[in-house]
Every structure is written in structure tokens, then in C-alpha cells.
Protein backbone atom coordinates (compact mmCIF):
# COMPACT_ATOMS: atom_id res chain seq x y z
CA MET A 1 20.93 -38.12 3.53
CA GLU A 2 21.22 -34.34 3.97
CA ASN A 3 19.61 -33.77 0.56
CA ALA A 4 16.73 -36.20 1.12
CA PRO A 5 14.04 -33.61 2.05
CA GLU A 6 14.86 -31.51 -1.01
CA LYS A 7 14.72 -34.58 -3.28
CA LEU A 8 11.35 -35.64 -1.88
CA THR A 9 10.01 -32.12 -2.45
CA VAL A 10 11.11 -32.13 -6.09
CA GLU A 11 9.58 -35.58 -6.67
CA PHE A 12 6.31 -34.47 -5.11
CA ASP A 13 6.25 -31.34 -7.28
CA GLU A 14 6.83 -33.40 -10.39
CA ARG A 15 3.92 -35.72 -9.58
CA ALA A 16 1.62 -32.77 -9.04
CA GLY A 17 2.86 -31.03 -12.17
CA SER A 18 5.95 -29.15 -13.26
CA PRO A 19 7.56 -26.76 -10.75
CA ARG A 20 6.75 -23.93 -13.15
CA ARG A 21 3.07 -24.92 -13.15
CA ILE A 22 3.01 -25.01 -9.36
CA LYS A 23 4.60 -21.57 -9.17
CA SER A 24 2.04 -20.23 -11.61
CA LEU A 25 -0.82 -21.63 -9.53
CA VAL A 26 0.64 -20.05 -6.38
CA THR A 27 0.92 -16.71 -8.18
CA LEU A 28 -2.63 -16.87 -9.50
CA ARG A 29 -3.97 -17.78 -6.08
CA ALA A 30 -2.01 -14.93 -4.46
CA VAL A 31 -3.31 -12.41 -7.00
CA VAL A 32 -6.94 -13.50 -6.59
CA ALA A 33 -6.69 -13.65 -2.79
CA GLY A 34 -4.99 -10.26 -2.62
CA LEU A 35 -7.62 -8.58 -4.78
CA LEU A 36 -10.50 -10.12 -2.82
CA VAL A 37 -9.00 -9.35 0.59
CA ALA A 38 -8.23 -5.76 -0.40
CA MET A 39 -11.19 -4.66 -2.48
CA ILE A 40 -14.12 -6.32 -0.70
CA ALA A 41 -13.04 -4.94 2.67
CA ALA A 42 -12.14 -1.50 1.28
CA ASN A 43 -15.64 -1.07 -0.14
CA VAL A 44 -17.43 -1.69 3.15
CA TRP A 45 -16.76 1.89 4.31
CA PRO A 46 -18.34 3.70 1.31
CA LEU A 47 -21.49 1.60 1.70
CA LEU A 48 -21.69 2.37 5.41
CA LEU A 49 -21.02 6.08 4.86
CA LEU A 50 -23.73 6.48 2.23
CA SER A 51 -26.34 4.46 4.10
CA LEU A 52 -25.76 5.45 7.75
CA GLY A 53 -23.98 8.81 7.77
CA VAL A 54 -20.67 9.68 9.41
CA PRO A 55 -21.06 9.12 13.17
CA ALA A 56 -22.75 5.70 13.04
CA ALA A 57 -20.78 4.54 9.99
CA SER A 58 -17.47 5.51 11.63
CA ILE A 59 -18.18 3.43 14.74
CA ILE A 60 -19.20 0.38 12.74
CA GLU A 61 -16.20 0.77 10.39
CA VAL A 62 -13.73 0.90 13.29
CA ILE A 63 -15.23 -2.31 14.69
CA PHE A 64 -15.14 -3.90 11.24
CA LEU A 65 -11.47 -2.95 10.70
CA ALA A 66 -10.52 -4.37 14.11
CA LEU A 67 -12.20 -7.69 13.22
CA TYR A 68 -10.65 -7.59 9.74
CA VAL A 69 -7.12 -7.18 11.12
CA TRP A 70 -7.80 -9.90 13.70
CA TRP A 71 -8.96 -12.34 11.03
CA ALA A 72 -6.43 -11.42 8.32
CA GLY A 73 -3.64 -11.73 10.89
CA GLY A 74 -4.36 -15.42 11.39
CA ALA A 75 -7.14 -15.66 13.96
CA GLY A 76 -10.62 -17.09 13.56
CA PRO A 77 -11.90 -19.70 11.10
CA PRO A 78 -10.92 -21.65 9.15
CA ARG A 79 -8.26 -22.99 11.52
CA ARG A 80 -6.31 -24.88 8.85
CA TRP A 81 -5.52 -21.58 7.07
CA GLN A 82 -4.51 -19.65 10.17
CA ALA A 83 -0.76 -20.11 9.65
CA ALA A 84 -1.00 -19.12 5.99
CA ARG A 85 -3.01 -16.02 6.87
CA ALA A 86 -0.54 -15.01 9.57
CA ALA A 87 2.36 -15.39 7.10
CA ALA A 88 0.56 -13.39 4.40
CA PHE A 89 -0.24 -10.66 6.94
CA ARG A 90 3.49 -10.45 7.78
CA ARG A 91 2.62 -10.58 11.47
CA LYS A 92 5.80 -9.46 13.16
CA THR A 93 7.00 -7.40 16.11
CA LEU A 94 9.09 -4.41 15.06
CA SER A 95 12.22 -3.43 16.94
CA PRO A 96 12.67 0.21 18.10
CA ALA A 97 15.08 0.82 15.19
CA GLN A 98 12.56 -0.59 12.71
CA TRP A 99 9.84 1.62 14.17
CA THR A 100 12.06 4.68 13.80
CA TRP A 101 13.05 4.07 10.18
CA GLY A 102 9.58 2.77 9.34
CA LEU A 103 7.94 5.99 10.53
CA ILE A 104 10.52 8.07 8.67
CA ALA A 105 9.83 6.11 5.50
CA ALA A 106 6.05 6.40 5.99
CA PHE A 107 6.10 10.18 6.40
CA PHE A 108 8.42 10.90 3.50
CA LEU A 109 6.57 8.45 1.25
CA ALA A 110 3.47 10.61 1.68
CA VAL A 111 5.52 13.76 1.00
CA THR A 112 6.99 12.15 -2.14
CA ILE A 113 3.58 11.34 -3.64
CA HIS A 114 2.14 14.78 -2.95
CA ALA A 115 5.23 16.53 -4.30
CA ALA A 116 4.95 14.42 -7.44
CA LEU A 117 1.31 15.47 -7.83
CA VAL A 118 2.21 19.14 -7.44
CA LEU A 119 4.87 18.82 -10.13
CA LEU A 120 2.51 16.94 -12.46
CA PHE A 121 -0.02 19.75 -12.25
CA ARG A 122 2.62 22.36 -12.87
CA PHE A 123 3.09 20.77 -16.28
CA ILE A 124 -0.60 20.23 -17.07
CA PRO A 125 -3.70 22.02 -15.68
CA PHE A 126 -5.23 20.44 -12.61
CA PRO A 127 -8.53 18.76 -13.71
CA THR A 128 -10.60 19.69 -10.67
CA THR A 129 -13.86 18.25 -11.96
CA ALA A 130 -12.37 14.84 -12.76
CA PHE A 131 -10.61 14.63 -9.40
CA ARG A 132 -13.72 15.59 -7.43
CA HIS A 133 -16.09 13.27 -9.30
CA GLY A 134 -17.30 10.55 -6.96
CA TYR A 135 -15.81 12.23 -3.88
CA ASP A 136 -18.57 14.69 -3.03
CA PHE A 137 -18.77 15.07 0.76
CA SER A 138 -21.32 17.89 0.60
CA PHE A 139 -23.98 15.59 2.06
CA ILE A 140 -21.97 15.52 5.32
CA PRO A 141 -23.33 18.44 7.37
CA THR A 142 -20.27 19.86 9.18
CA LEU A 143 -16.58 20.36 8.45
CA LYS A 144 -15.55 18.31 11.49
CA LEU A 145 -17.58 15.35 10.30
CA ARG A 146 -16.10 15.71 6.81
CA TRP A 147 -12.61 15.53 8.29
CA LEU A 148 -13.67 12.46 10.28
CA ALA A 149 -14.90 10.86 7.05
CA VAL A 150 -11.57 11.68 5.39
CA VAL A 151 -9.56 10.08 8.20
CA ILE A 152 -11.72 6.93 8.30
CA SER A 153 -11.53 6.68 4.49
CA ALA A 154 -7.73 6.90 4.62
CA VAL A 155 -7.39 4.40 7.47
CA SER A 156 -9.71 1.95 5.73
CA ALA A 157 -7.83 2.19 2.43
CA GLY A 158 -4.45 1.96 4.15
CA ILE A 159 -5.28 -1.15 6.15
CA CYS A 160 -7.28 -3.02 3.52
CA GLU A 161 -5.10 -2.28 0.50
CA GLU A 162 -1.81 -2.96 2.28
CA THR A 163 -3.19 -6.23 3.67
CA GLY A 164 -4.39 -7.30 0.24
CA PHE A 165 -1.69 -6.03 -2.12
CA ARG A 166 1.48 -6.07 0.00
CA GLY A 167 0.40 -8.95 2.23
CA TYR A 168 -1.82 -11.61 0.70
CA MET A 169 -0.67 -10.91 -2.87
CA GLN A 170 2.98 -9.91 -2.61
CA GLN A 171 4.22 -12.12 0.23
CA PRO A 172 3.47 -15.53 -1.37
CA ILE A 173 4.94 -14.40 -4.70
CA GLU A 174 8.08 -13.26 -2.87
CA GLN A 175 8.48 -16.79 -1.55
CA ARG A 176 8.27 -18.31 -5.04
CA TYR A 177 9.84 -15.75 -7.35
CA GLY A 178 11.68 -13.30 -5.10
CA ALA A 179 11.07 -9.67 -4.22
CA PRO A 180 11.50 -7.97 -7.64
CA VAL A 181 8.80 -10.03 -9.35
CA ALA A 182 6.48 -9.84 -6.33
CA ILE A 183 6.79 -6.08 -5.90
CA ALA A 184 6.37 -5.42 -9.64
CA THR A 185 3.27 -7.66 -9.75
CA SER A 186 1.54 -6.11 -6.74
CA SER A 187 2.43 -2.58 -7.90
CA PHE A 188 1.09 -3.15 -11.41
CA LEU A 189 -2.23 -4.55 -10.15
CA PHE A 190 -2.43 -1.79 -7.54
CA MET A 191 -2.14 0.69 -10.42
CA VAL A 192 -4.68 -1.14 -12.60
CA VAL A 193 -7.29 -1.18 -9.81
CA HIS A 194 -6.89 2.53 -9.14
CA PHE A 195 -7.09 3.46 -12.81
CA THR A 196 -10.80 2.72 -12.82
CA LYS A 197 -11.22 6.13 -11.14
CA SER A 198 -12.25 9.35 -12.87
CA TRP A 199 -8.90 10.97 -11.97
CA ALA A 200 -7.01 8.31 -13.96
CA LEU A 201 -4.86 10.54 -16.16
CA VAL A 202 -1.94 9.25 -18.20
CA GLY A 203 0.35 11.45 -16.15
CA MET A 204 -0.77 9.66 -12.99
CA ILE A 205 0.59 6.29 -14.15
CA PRO A 206 4.18 6.76 -12.88
CA ILE A 207 2.89 8.29 -9.64
CA VAL A 208 0.46 5.47 -8.77
CA PHE A 209 2.86 2.76 -9.94
CA GLY A 210 5.71 4.47 -8.07
CA ALA A 211 3.64 4.59 -4.88
CA GLY A 212 3.01 0.85 -5.26
CA LEU A 213 6.72 0.16 -5.70
CA LEU A 214 7.68 2.17 -2.61
CA LEU A 215 4.98 0.49 -0.51
CA GLY A 216 6.07 -2.91 -1.81
CA LEU A 217 9.70 -2.20 -0.98
CA LEU A 218 8.69 -1.02 2.47
CA ALA A 219 6.77 -4.24 3.21
CA TRP A 220 9.61 -6.40 1.89
CA SER A 221 12.40 -4.54 3.67
CA SER A 222 10.66 -4.45 7.06
CA LYS A 223 8.87 -7.83 6.74
CA SER A 224 5.86 -6.01 8.15
CA LEU A 225 2.75 -4.23 6.87
CA ILE A 226 2.84 -1.63 9.65
CA PRO A 227 5.15 1.01 8.09
CA GLY A 228 3.41 0.77 4.73
CA THR A 229 -0.04 0.99 6.30
CA ILE A 230 0.96 4.13 8.19
CA GLY A 231 2.50 5.69 5.07
CA HIS A 232 -0.49 4.73 2.92
CA THR A 233 -2.88 6.24 5.46
CA MET A 234 -0.90 9.49 5.71
CA MET A 235 -0.77 9.72 1.92
CA ASP A 236 -4.51 9.12 1.61
CA VAL A 237 -5.45 11.71 4.22
CA GLY A 238 -3.87 14.33 1.95
CA LEU A 239 -5.38 12.81 -1.19
CA PHE A 240 -8.90 12.73 0.21
CA ALA A 241 -8.76 16.09 2.00
CA TYR A 242 -7.03 18.16 -0.67
CA TRP A 243 -6.97 16.60 -4.12
CA TRP A 244 -10.27 14.69 -4.12
CA THR A 245 -12.77 16.43 -1.82
CA GLY A 246 -11.28 19.93 -1.58
CA ILE A 247 -12.12 20.37 2.10
CA ALA A 248 -8.49 21.35 2.74
CA GLY A 249 -8.33 23.69 -0.26
CA THR A 250 -7.95 23.59 -4.02
CA PHE A 251 -4.77 23.49 -6.10
CA SER A 252 -4.67 26.72 -8.07
CA ALA A 253 -1.09 27.08 -9.34
CA ARG A 254 -0.86 27.62 -13.08
CA PRO A 255 1.25 25.37 -15.34
CA ILE A 256 4.80 26.60 -15.88
CA SER A 257 4.00 27.00 -19.58
CA GLU A 258 1.92 29.98 -18.44
CA SER A 259 3.73 31.19 -15.33
CA GLY A 260 7.31 30.19 -16.07
CA VAL A 261 9.60 28.45 -13.60
CA ASP A 262 8.85 30.12 -10.28
CA GLY A 263 9.93 29.62 -6.69
CA ALA A 264 7.06 27.24 -5.90
CA PHE A 265 8.09 24.96 -8.77
CA VAL A 266 11.68 24.86 -7.55
CA VAL A 267 10.53 24.08 -4.01
CA ALA A 268 8.36 21.21 -5.29
CA CYS A 269 11.32 19.79 -7.25
CA ALA A 270 13.52 19.98 -4.17
CA ALA A 271 10.81 18.41 -1.99
CA LEU A 272 10.40 15.48 -4.38
CA THR A 273 14.15 14.88 -4.65
CA ILE A 274 14.80 15.08 -0.92
CA SER A 275 11.75 13.10 0.20
CA LEU A 276 12.33 10.29 -2.31
CA SER A 277 15.98 10.07 -1.24
CA VAL A 278 14.95 9.82 2.41
CA VAL A 279 12.38 7.08 1.64
CA LEU A 280 14.97 5.02 -0.23
CA LEU A 281 17.51 5.54 2.57
CA ALA A 282 14.96 4.45 5.18
CA ILE A 283 14.06 1.36 3.14
CA SER A 284 17.77 0.49 2.88
CA LYS A 285 18.18 0.91 6.64
CA LEU A 286 15.13 -1.24 7.30
CA ARG A 287 16.46 -3.98 5.04
CA ARG A 288 19.81 -4.02 6.86
CA ILE A 289 18.17 -4.07 10.30
CA THR A 290 15.75 -6.82 9.28
CA ARG A 291 18.50 -8.97 7.78
CA PHE A 292 20.65 -8.49 10.86
CA ASN A 293 17.77 -9.50 13.15
CA MET A 294 16.99 -12.57 11.04
CA GLU A 295 20.63 -13.66 10.88
CA ASP A 296 20.95 -13.16 14.61
CA ARG A 297 17.97 -15.48 15.19
CA PHE A 298 18.21 -18.02 12.35
CA GLY A 299 21.65 -17.66 10.77
CA PRO A 300 22.60 -16.15 7.38
CA GLU A 301 19.69 -15.63 4.98
CA GLN A 302 19.62 -18.18 2.15
CA PRO A 303 19.24 -16.91 -1.42
CA GLN A 304 15.83 -17.53 -2.98
CA CYS A 305 15.58 -19.79 -6.01
């Protein structure tokens, strides 16, 4: 009798179609839902910014993001999907230890991505025009308002993209196929979506895909979107302010083919190595803490099929 529920589940799956077909449908639904939840919401801010200007657009965007998090986290209609939305949103309370390691991971994730960009553009010239195309903030009248637009842009991207890619897309695939397949899938589609931009150089592929992998690992290890959202936002503040809009300055270092290996190049190599090591350590710590908390509440974690 102990195996009766499992047997009934298998028989039901076979009537509906093969287990493989059901898994494929779940994956397709997760991919479509993740893309819709991420990209529709993320594009509200640019429309508001261009039509209303910074002060009014910022207020409306903050209200929109609050409602978006409320709804994506499992509240509001339709009621029959509330539990599924809460699960996809990874709604969870973090312990103090998880907060500590999550914030460490978030900060050093941002450092890792920016160090990787510095190194990339020490091997090839920085294409300023391509990076700035589509990110012209010159219509915003003051520097303070431009910084406000940068911060709102980063917060919007961090919340919406983490909810869509690492929540609604990755979490259901984790349940069916396990973490490696889910993280690889969400990271690949995260890269594909971003490579519609004018800055989409071949050399950016490992950086964007790597950022997706680290964010996916962070969501899986903590069972929460909070650390990844913070890290994504911190990363994007730098991307918008420095690499894309130039309001924080312009990268002017020459490639090492012209300047040779100098002190700045060595520092960038060290920064990438150290920051990536710290991120991976923090992810490992988060995974251990999360597993310990789950085992303490529910017993040993069962392997996924």
C-alpha cells in the first residue's frame, strides 16, 4: 500500500501521454511563462521613461513593481494559480546566515561580471558606439535625474528578469529535470534574449551566459530570488551607468596588444579570480545552509528523478 500513490501517478501520466511528453509540456510552459513574465514587465519602464520623463515615470514604475511582485508572488487573480505562482516566485523567508552569504554572493557576482568586461576590452577595443546605441540619456536634463533613471532601470531589470528567468522558467524545470538542466536552460535563453542588443559581441557570449549560470545557481542554492535580484540590480547599476550610458565615465584603457601587460591588467585578472571564487564559495555555503534547514524541517532531501 505504501507505493499506491506513486503507482496511481504513473498510471495517470500514461493516460495523459508518456512521462517524457508531460515533462516536455511542463518545460515548454515554463519557458513561455518565464519569457512573458520577464520581458513584458521589464519593458514597462522604458515606455514610461520615454513618454513621461524621469520623476513621474519613476513614481509609476515603483508602484508597478510593487504590484508586480505582489502578483507574481502568489497574490491576486486568478486564485487557482496562486499556489503555482508562489512556488515559481520561490517565496521564502531567508535566515540570517542566508542573508549574509546571499549578500556576499550578490556583491561579488557584480564584481565578477565587471571584471570580466574589463578583461574582455583589454583584449579587443571597447566599441563605445555600439554599447551606447539605444541607451542615450541625454534627453534627461540633470545628472541626478540620470542617476535616478539608471537605478530604476537596474531595479526593474533585476526584479523582472529574475522573476521570469530564475523563477517562473527555472523553478518548474528544476522540479522535472533537476537543477543542471534548469539552470542551463534559463541561462541559455537569458543569453539569447540579451543578444538582440547592439552590444552583442561574440566576446560577450561567455560573460552573459556566465552571469546567467551564476544567477541560476544562486536561486537554486538559496531557494529564493532575493540574493539574485540584489546581485542582478547591483550588476546592472554599473552596466547602465558606466558601460551603456557613460554617465559614470568611459572605458579608455588600450588593448594589451598595444600597451602590453600592465598593472591594471594584472589587477583585473586578480579581481576576476578572487570575486568568482568568493561567489562560488557563497553559493556552496548557501546550498549547505538551505539543505540543513530543509532537512531540519522535513527530513533528508530526496534525490530528484
